[in-house]
Amino acid sequence: MTWIECDIDQLEAIRAIFNEAIETSTALYDYQPRSQKTMQAWWAAKKAGGYPVIGVLGDTGDLMGFASYGPFRAFPAYKYTVEHSVYVDRHYRGRGLGRQLLERAILSAESQGYHAMIGVIDAENQASIALHENLGFQRCGEMREVGFKFGRWLNLVIYQKLLNGPVAPVDG
């Protein structure tokens, strides 16, 4: 395995991982696979905001999974809070990569001076909930029936981890 900060060369592999999750799971509450244009906008927003996309490559150079984070909400007072996402290619699940990716995302966010990391998880995703709890995230809320996918209502749970930053927060 090789850990990388993804670049534009991994964008198509990232899109494939996203699209598999959209089509087969409630990890993403999207209905339609993401287009290349949508992914280019996603990539541009990550780069413009200084948000890394952390990846892990297999021995053959395949992207096994990735993690990233971005703004929690679009209001200035949330500037020290990020919301993260972690996705592992279906061929590589069950190997502990999700944990390693999330650990690296946490360290990266702390190094950038963020104070809180938020995870928004489908309430039935017990593996993701256990992962977050094992890494010190605390459940801080549930939103009932806020999504509808695969013919049923979906609940979200919200998890939070306080980080070590920033050293000297400021208003404005």
C-alpha atoms as a PDB file:
ATOM      1  CA  MET A   1       0.000   0.000   0.000  1.00  0.00           C
ATOM      2  CA  THR A   2       1.059   3.535  -0.730  1.00  0.00           C
ATOM      3  CA  TRP A   3      -0.476   6.584   0.921  1.00  0.00           C
ATOM      4  CA  ILE A   4      -0.881   9.636  -1.296  1.00  0.00           C
ATOM      5  CA  GLU A   5      -2.531  12.989  -1.512  1.00  0.00           C
ATOM      6  CA  CYS A   6      -4.695  12.356  -4.554  1.00  0.00           C
ATOM      7  CA  ASP A   7      -4.235  14.437  -7.644  1.00  0.00           C
ATOM      8  CA  ILE A   8      -6.311  14.879 -10.763  1.00  0.00           C
ATOM      9  CA  ASP A   9      -5.051  11.509 -12.043  1.00  0.00           C
ATOM     10  CA  GLN A  10      -7.148   9.723  -9.394  1.00  0.00           C
ATOM     11  CA  LEU A  11     -10.350  11.656 -10.128  1.00  0.00           C
ATOM     12  CA  GLU A  12     -11.874   8.980 -12.361  1.00  0.00           C
ATOM     13  CA  ALA A  13     -11.178   6.267  -9.747  1.00  0.00           C
ATOM     14  CA  ILE A  14     -12.726   8.496  -7.061  1.00  0.00           C
ATOM     15  CA  ARG A  15     -15.781   8.957  -9.285  1.00  0.00           C
ATOM     16  CA  ALA A  16     -16.099   5.186  -9.728  1.00  0.00           C
ATOM     17  CA  ILE A  17     -15.992   4.660  -5.951  1.00  0.00           C
ATOM     18  CA  PHE A  18     -18.594   7.392  -5.392  1.00  0.00           C
ATOM     19  CA  ASN A  19     -20.856   6.007  -8.103  1.00  0.00           C
ATOM     20  CA  GLU A  20     -20.761   2.454  -6.764  1.00  0.00           C
ATOM     21  CA  ALA A  21     -21.786   3.820  -3.347  1.00  0.00           C
ATOM     22  CA  ILE A  22     -24.600   5.869  -4.912  1.00  0.00           C
ATOM     23  CA  GLU A  23     -25.948   2.925  -6.886  1.00  0.00           C
ATOM     24  CA  THR A  24     -25.743   0.243  -4.181  1.00  0.00           C
ATOM     25  CA  SER A  25     -25.891   1.850  -0.740  1.00  0.00           C
ATOM     26  CA  THR A  26     -27.231   4.601   1.464  1.00  0.00           C
ATOM     27  CA  ALA A  27     -23.732   5.929   2.160  1.00  0.00           C
ATOM     28  CA  LEU A  28     -24.639   8.780  -0.208  1.00  0.00           C
ATOM     29  CA  TYR A  29     -28.163  10.098  -0.523  1.00  0.00           C
ATOM     30  CA  ASP A  30     -27.731  10.774  -4.239  1.00  0.00           C
ATOM     31  CA  TYR A  31     -29.855   9.072  -6.892  1.00  0.00           C
ATOM     32  CA  GLN A  32     -27.789   9.603 -10.037  1.00  0.00           C
ATOM     33  CA  PRO A  33     -24.155   8.652 -10.616  1.00  0.00           C
ATOM     34  CA  ARG A  34     -21.800  11.612 -10.663  1.00  0.00           C
ATOM     35  CA  SER A  35     -20.693  12.903 -14.031  1.00  0.00           C
ATOM     36  CA  GLN A  36     -17.169  13.915 -14.959  1.00  0.00           C
ATOM     37  CA  LYS A  37     -18.317  17.550 -14.904  1.00  0.00           C
ATOM     38  CA  THR A  38     -19.719  17.169 -11.363  1.00  0.00           C
ATOM     39  CA  MET A  39     -16.490  15.562 -10.211  1.00  0.00           C
ATOM     40  CA  GLN A  40     -14.381  18.306 -11.763  1.00  0.00           C
ATOM     41  CA  ALA A  41     -16.389  20.878  -9.784  1.00  0.00           C
ATOM     42  CA  TRP A  42     -15.975  18.757  -6.618  1.00  0.00           C
ATOM     43  CA  TRP A  43     -12.223  18.593  -7.238  1.00  0.00           C
ATOM     44  CA  ALA A  44     -11.960  22.330  -7.880  1.00  0.00           C
ATOM     45  CA  ALA A  45     -13.810  23.081  -4.620  1.00  0.00           C
ATOM     46  CA  LYS A  46     -11.449  20.804  -2.658  1.00  0.00           C
ATOM     47  CA  LYS A  47      -8.377  22.473  -4.143  1.00  0.00           C
ATOM     48  CA  ALA A  48      -9.736  26.021  -3.737  1.00  0.00           C
ATOM     49  CA  GLY A  49     -10.564  25.369  -0.069  1.00  0.00           C
ATOM     50  CA  GLY A  50      -7.247  23.701   0.719  1.00  0.00           C
ATOM     51  CA  TYR A  51      -8.987  20.428   1.595  1.00  0.00           C
ATOM     52  CA  PRO A  52      -6.887  17.332   0.939  1.00  0.00           C
ATOM     53  CA  VAL A  53      -8.086  14.165  -0.700  1.00  0.00           C
ATOM     54  CA  ILE A  54      -6.136  11.394   1.006  1.00  0.00           C
ATOM     55  CA  GLY A  55      -5.815   8.165  -0.920  1.00  0.00           C
ATOM     56  CA  VAL A  56      -4.358   4.708  -0.603  1.00  0.00           C
ATOM     57  CA  LEU A  57      -3.038   2.838  -3.613  1.00  0.00           C
ATOM     58  CA  GLY A  58      -2.726  -0.921  -3.889  1.00  0.00           C
ATOM     59  CA  ASP A  59       0.360  -2.695  -5.145  1.00  0.00           C
ATOM     60  CA  THR A  60      -0.978  -2.484  -8.708  1.00  0.00           C
ATOM     61  CA  GLY A  61      -1.594   1.270  -8.431  1.00  0.00           C
ATOM     62  CA  ASP A  62      -5.375   0.973  -8.032  1.00  0.00           C
ATOM     63  CA  LEU A  63      -7.051   3.491  -5.731  1.00  0.00           C
ATOM     64  CA  MET A  64      -8.309   1.366  -2.839  1.00  0.00           C
ATOM     65  CA  GLY A  65     -10.080   4.201  -1.044  1.00  0.00           C
ATOM     66  CA  PHE A  66     -10.001   7.861  -0.165  1.00  0.00           C
ATOM     67  CA  ALA A  67     -10.946  10.313   2.566  1.00  0.00           C
ATOM     68  CA  SER A  68     -11.543  14.010   2.476  1.00  0.00           C
ATOM     69  CA  TYR A  69     -13.238  16.793   4.334  1.00  0.00           C
ATOM     70  CA  GLY A  70     -14.713  20.138   3.578  1.00  0.00           C
ATOM     71  CA  PRO A  71     -16.840  22.894   5.053  1.00  0.00           C
ATOM     72  CA  PHE A  72     -19.485  21.825   7.524  1.00  0.00           C
ATOM     73  CA  ARG A  73     -21.813  24.742   6.787  1.00  0.00           C
ATOM     74  CA  ALA A  74     -21.409  27.876   4.704  1.00  0.00           C
ATOM     75  CA  PHE A  75     -21.417  30.420   7.535  1.00  0.00           C
ATOM     76  CA  PRO A  76     -18.246  32.128   8.797  1.00  0.00           C
ATOM     77  CA  ALA A  77     -18.563  31.028  12.432  1.00  0.00           C
ATOM     78  CA  TYR A  78     -18.226  27.371  11.309  1.00  0.00           C
ATOM     79  CA  LYS A  79     -14.756  28.010   9.868  1.00  0.00           C
ATOM     80  CA  TYR A  80     -13.072  25.720  12.415  1.00  0.00           C
ATOM     81  CA  THR A  81     -15.434  22.788  11.752  1.00  0.00           C
ATOM     82  CA  VAL A  82     -15.215  20.310   8.878  1.00  0.00           C
ATOM     83  CA  GLU A  83     -17.371  17.437   7.688  1.00  0.00           C
ATOM     84  CA  HIS A  84     -15.524  14.390   6.444  1.00  0.00           C
ATOM     85  CA  SER A  85     -16.180  11.500   4.100  1.00  0.00           C
ATOM     86  CA  VAL A  86     -14.447   8.150   3.734  1.00  0.00           C
ATOM     87  CA  TYR A  87     -15.025   5.682   0.907  1.00  0.00           C
ATOM     88  CA  VAL A  88     -13.351   2.341   0.228  1.00  0.00           C
ATOM     89  CA  ASP A  89     -13.584   0.567  -3.116  1.00  0.00           C
ATOM     90  CA  ARG A  90     -15.857  -2.469  -2.790  1.00  0.00           C
ATOM     91  CA  HIS A  91     -12.985  -4.819  -3.673  1.00  0.00           C
ATOM     92  CA  TYR A  92     -10.968  -3.667  -0.647  1.00  0.00           C
ATOM     93  CA  ARG A  93     -13.557  -3.400   2.124  1.00  0.00           C
ATOM     94  CA  GLY A  94     -13.099  -5.273   5.395  1.00  0.00           C
ATOM     95  CA  ARG A  95      -9.329  -4.707   5.565  1.00  0.00           C
ATOM     96  CA  GLY A  96      -9.264  -1.780   7.978  1.00  0.00           C
ATOM     97  CA  LEU A  97      -8.667   0.814   5.276  1.00  0.00           C
ATOM     98  CA  GLY A  98     -11.626   2.954   6.357  1.00  0.00           C
ATOM     99  CA  ARG A  99     -10.111   3.298   9.818  1.00  0.00           C
ATOM    100  CA  GLN A 100      -6.686   4.183   8.450  1.00  0.00           C
ATOM    101  CA  LEU A 101      -8.150   6.719   6.044  1.00  0.00           C
ATOM    102  CA  LEU A 102     -10.228   8.373   8.771  1.00  0.00           C
ATOM    103  CA  GLU A 103      -7.235   8.472  11.131  1.00  0.00           C
ATOM    104  CA  ARG A 104      -5.213  10.255   8.462  1.00  0.00           C
ATOM    105  CA  ALA A 105      -8.057  12.696   7.779  1.00  0.00           C
ATOM    106  CA  ILE A 106      -8.251  13.517  11.494  1.00  0.00           C
ATOM    107  CA  LEU A 107      -4.498  14.172  11.673  1.00  0.00           C
ATOM    108  CA  SER A 108      -4.648  16.326   8.551  1.00  0.00           C
ATOM    109  CA  ALA A 109      -7.551  18.417   9.867  1.00  0.00           C
ATOM    110  CA  GLU A 110      -5.744  18.908  13.181  1.00  0.00           C
ATOM    111  CA  SER A 111      -2.589  20.000  11.364  1.00  0.00           C
ATOM    112  CA  GLN A 112      -4.676  22.600   9.510  1.00  0.00           C
ATOM    113  CA  GLY A 113      -6.006  23.997  12.791  1.00  0.00           C
ATOM    114  CA  TYR A 114      -9.569  22.703  12.726  1.00  0.00           C
ATOM    115  CA  HIS A 115     -11.420  22.271  16.012  1.00  0.00           C
ATOM    116  CA  ALA A 116     -14.243  19.864  15.200  1.00  0.00           C
ATOM    117  CA  MET A 117     -14.853  17.101  12.685  1.00  0.00           C
ATOM    118  CA  ILE A 118     -18.378  15.984  11.848  1.00  0.00           C
ATOM    119  CA  GLY A 119     -19.510  12.674  10.399  1.00  0.00           C
ATOM    120  CA  VAL A 120     -23.035  12.338   9.027  1.00  0.00           C
ATOM    121  CA  ILE A 121     -23.906   8.651   8.736  1.00  0.00           C
ATOM    122  CA  ASP A 122     -26.914   6.648   7.617  1.00  0.00           C
ATOM    123  CA  ALA A 123     -28.384   5.327  10.877  1.00  0.00           C
ATOM    124  CA  GLU A 124     -28.349   1.726   9.605  1.00  0.00           C
ATOM    125  CA  ASN A 125     -24.640   1.796   8.737  1.00  0.00           C
ATOM    126  CA  GLN A 126     -23.453  -0.021  11.849  1.00  0.00           C
ATOM    127  CA  ALA A 127     -19.918  -0.537  10.509  1.00  0.00           C
ATOM    128  CA  SER A 128     -19.409   3.204  10.035  1.00  0.00           C
ATOM    129  CA  ILE A 129     -20.975   4.000  13.404  1.00  0.00           C
ATOM    130  CA  ALA A 130     -18.654   1.509  15.140  1.00  0.00           C
ATOM    131  CA  LEU A 131     -15.647   2.937  13.296  1.00  0.00           C
ATOM    132  CA  HIS A 132     -16.462   6.468  14.411  1.00  0.00           C
ATOM    133  CA  GLU A 133     -17.084   5.443  18.019  1.00  0.00           C
ATOM    134  CA  ASN A 134     -13.809   3.483  18.090  1.00  0.00           C
ATOM    135  CA  LEU A 135     -11.959   6.612  16.966  1.00  0.00           C
ATOM    136  CA  GLY A 136     -13.460   8.792  19.685  1.00  0.00           C
ATOM    137  CA  PHE A 137     -16.346  10.381  17.821  1.00  0.00           C
ATOM    138  CA  GLN A 138     -19.417  10.992  19.954  1.00  0.00           C
ATOM    139  CA  ARG A 139     -22.974  10.712  18.757  1.00  0.00           C
ATOM    140  CA  CYS A 140     -24.569  14.120  19.048  1.00  0.00           C
ATOM    141  CA  GLY A 141     -27.824  13.786  17.178  1.00  0.00           C
ATOM    142  CA  GLU A 142     -30.235  11.957  14.953  1.00  0.00           C
ATOM    143  CA  MET A 143     -32.332  13.304  12.130  1.00  0.00           C
ATOM    144  CA  ARG A 144     -35.287  11.038  11.427  1.00  0.00           C
ATOM    145  CA  GLU A 145     -36.661  10.392   7.955  1.00  0.00           C
ATOM    146  CA  VAL A 146     -34.677  13.146   6.238  1.00  0.00           C
ATOM    147  CA  GLY A 147     -33.788  11.047   3.204  1.00  0.00           C
ATOM    148  CA  PHE A 148     -35.755   8.799   0.883  1.00  0.00           C
ATOM    149  CA  LYS A 149     -33.931   6.212  -1.202  1.00  0.00           C
ATOM    150  CA  PHE A 150     -34.581   2.652  -2.342  1.00  0.00           C
ATOM    151  CA  GLY A 151     -38.273   3.093  -1.516  1.00  0.00           C
ATOM    152  CA  ARG A 152     -37.863   3.882   2.165  1.00  0.00           C
ATOM    153  CA  TRP A 153     -37.259   6.717   4.613  1.00  0.00           C
ATOM    154  CA  LEU A 154     -33.715   7.096   5.900  1.00  0.00           C
ATOM    155  CA  ASN A 155     -32.436   8.415   9.195  1.00  0.00           C
ATOM    156  CA  LEU A 156     -29.104  10.168   9.716  1.00  0.00           C
ATOM    157  CA  VAL A 157     -26.957  10.125  12.817  1.00  0.00           C
ATOM    158  CA  ILE A 158     -24.420  12.848  13.477  1.00  0.00           C
ATOM    159  CA  TYR A 159     -21.061  12.154  15.088  1.00  0.00           C
ATOM    160  CA  GLN A 160     -18.512  14.705  16.272  1.00  0.00           C
ATOM    161  CA  LYS A 161     -14.893  14.629  17.334  1.00  0.00           C
ATOM    162  CA  LEU A 162     -13.189  17.620  18.919  1.00  0.00           C
ATOM    163  CA  LEU A 163      -9.702  18.194  17.559  1.00  0.00           C
ATOM    164  CA  ASN A 164      -6.646  20.002  18.913  1.00  0.00           C
ATOM    165  CA  GLY A 165      -6.900  23.183  16.866  1.00  0.00           C
ATOM    166  CA  PRO A 166      -6.750  26.063  16.428  1.00  0.00           C
ATOM    167  CA  VAL A 167      -4.161  27.506  18.793  1.00  0.00           C
ATOM    168  CA  ALA A 168      -5.630  31.034  18.713  1.00  0.00           C
ATOM    169  CA  PRO A 169      -9.153  31.128  17.225  1.00  0.00           C
ATOM    170  CA  VAL A 170     -10.513  34.484  16.117  1.00  0.00           C
ATOM    171  CA  ASP A 171     -13.892  35.876  15.185  1.00  0.00           C
ATOM    172  CA  GLY A 172     -14.512  37.124  11.679  1.00  0.00           C
END
